């Protein structure tokens, strides 16, 4: 049996479907607002807005 859970998007509050095999620091996308979300804790499951990718040019 495959169980999915729904967590509210921290940006728009839309439910985000999360499968049973997610990993810590995995990036998901909210279907409602298209925000990138990061799984920051597994027990209990916590979603946060993923940090923006920044170029550092090797500095």
C-alpha atoms as a PDB file:
ATOM      1  CA  UNK A   1       0.000   0.000   0.000  1.00  0.00           C
ATOM      2  CA  UNK A   2       1.426   3.406  -1.015  1.00  0.00           C
ATOM      3  CA  UNK A   3       0.521   6.212   1.335  1.00  0.00           C
ATOM      4  CA  UNK A   4       0.834   9.874   0.466  1.00  0.00           C
ATOM      5  CA  UNK A   5       0.343  12.784   2.798  1.00  0.00           C
ATOM      6  CA  UNK A   6      -0.521  16.393   2.123  1.00  0.00           C
ATOM      7  CA  UNK A   7       1.332  19.277   3.718  1.00  0.00           C
ATOM      8  CA  UNK A   8       0.384  22.941   3.339  1.00  0.00           C
ATOM      9  CA  UNK A   9       2.704  25.026   1.169  1.00  0.00           C
ATOM     10  CA  UNK A  10       4.424  27.641   3.374  1.00  0.00           C
ATOM     11  CA  UNK A  11       3.929  30.234   0.621  1.00  0.00           C
ATOM     12  CA  UNK A  12       0.336  29.791  -0.584  1.00  0.00           C
ATOM     13  CA  UNK A  13      -1.187  27.212   1.817  1.00  0.00           C
ATOM     14  CA  UNK A  14      -2.148  24.860  -1.068  1.00  0.00           C
ATOM     15  CA  UNK A  15      -1.818  21.176  -0.152  1.00  0.00           C
ATOM     16  CA  UNK A  16       1.395  19.589  -1.463  1.00  0.00           C
ATOM     17  CA  UNK A  17       1.208  15.823  -2.002  1.00  0.00           C
ATOM     18  CA  UNK A  18       4.194  14.034  -0.479  1.00  0.00           C
ATOM     19  CA  UNK A  19       4.950  10.397  -1.178  1.00  0.00           C
ATOM     20  CA  UNK A  20       6.142   7.844   1.369  1.00  0.00           C
ATOM     21  CA  UNK A  21       9.762   7.677   0.161  1.00  0.00           C
ATOM     22  CA  UNK A  22      10.803  11.336   0.490  1.00  0.00           C
ATOM     23  CA  UNK A  23      14.240  12.211   1.834  1.00  0.00           C
ATOM     24  CA  UNK A  24      15.580  14.976   4.004  1.00  0.00           C
ATOM     25  CA  UNK A  25      16.549  18.058   1.929  1.00  0.00           C
ATOM     26  CA  UNK A  26      14.569  16.809  -1.085  1.00  0.00           C
ATOM     27  CA  UNK A  27      13.169  19.605  -3.268  1.00  0.00           C
ATOM     28  CA  UNK A  28       9.492  19.538  -4.277  1.00  0.00           C
ATOM     29  CA  UNK A  29       7.403  21.988  -6.284  1.00  0.00           C
ATOM     30  CA  UNK A  30       4.070  23.383  -5.180  1.00  0.00           C
ATOM     31  CA  UNK A  31       1.461  22.874  -7.892  1.00  0.00           C
ATOM     32  CA  UNK A  32      -0.422  25.977  -6.751  1.00  0.00           C
ATOM     33  CA  UNK A  33       2.251  28.696  -6.725  1.00  0.00           C
ATOM     34  CA  UNK A  34       5.182  26.849  -8.351  1.00  0.00           C
ATOM     35  CA  UNK A  35       7.467  27.589  -5.363  1.00  0.00           C
ATOM     36  CA  UNK A  36      10.348  25.227  -4.750  1.00  0.00           C
ATOM     37  CA  UNK A  37       9.992  23.622  -1.325  1.00  0.00           C
ATOM     38  CA  UNK A  38      12.579  21.751   0.709  1.00  0.00           C
ATOM     39  CA  UNK A  39      11.886  18.988   3.204  1.00  0.00           C
ATOM     40  CA  UNK A  40      13.730  20.240   6.294  1.00  0.00           C
ATOM     41  CA  UNK A  41      12.513  17.594   8.773  1.00  0.00           C
ATOM     42  CA  UNK A  42      10.997  14.134   8.455  1.00  0.00           C
ATOM     43  CA  UNK A  43       9.459  13.493  11.857  1.00  0.00           C
ATOM     44  CA  UNK A  44       7.293  15.492  11.923  1.00  0.00           C
ATOM     45  CA  UNK A  45       7.372  16.369   8.247  1.00  0.00           C
ATOM     46  CA  UNK A  46       8.233  20.052   7.742  1.00  0.00           C
ATOM     47  CA  UNK A  47       8.348  21.981   4.451  1.00  0.00           C
ATOM     48  CA  UNK A  48      10.138  25.296   3.953  1.00  0.00           C
ATOM     49  CA  UNK A  49      10.815  27.518   0.969  1.00  0.00           C
ATOM     50  CA  UNK A  50      13.970  26.264  -0.733  1.00  0.00           C
ATOM     51  CA  UNK A  51      16.867  28.726  -0.761  1.00  0.00           C
ATOM     52  CA  UNK A  52      17.562  30.497  -4.035  1.00  0.00           C
ATOM     53  CA  UNK A  53      20.490  29.131  -6.018  1.00  0.00           C
ATOM     54  CA  UNK A  54      23.210  31.742  -6.162  1.00  0.00           C
ATOM     55  CA  UNK A  55      26.311  31.831  -8.287  1.00  0.00           C
ATOM     56  CA  UNK A  56      29.533  32.204  -6.346  1.00  0.00           C
ATOM     57  CA  UNK A  57      31.947  31.988  -9.294  1.00  0.00           C
ATOM     58  CA  UNK A  58      34.349  29.967  -7.148  1.00  0.00           C
ATOM     59  CA  UNK A  59      34.848  32.706  -4.582  1.00  0.00           C
END
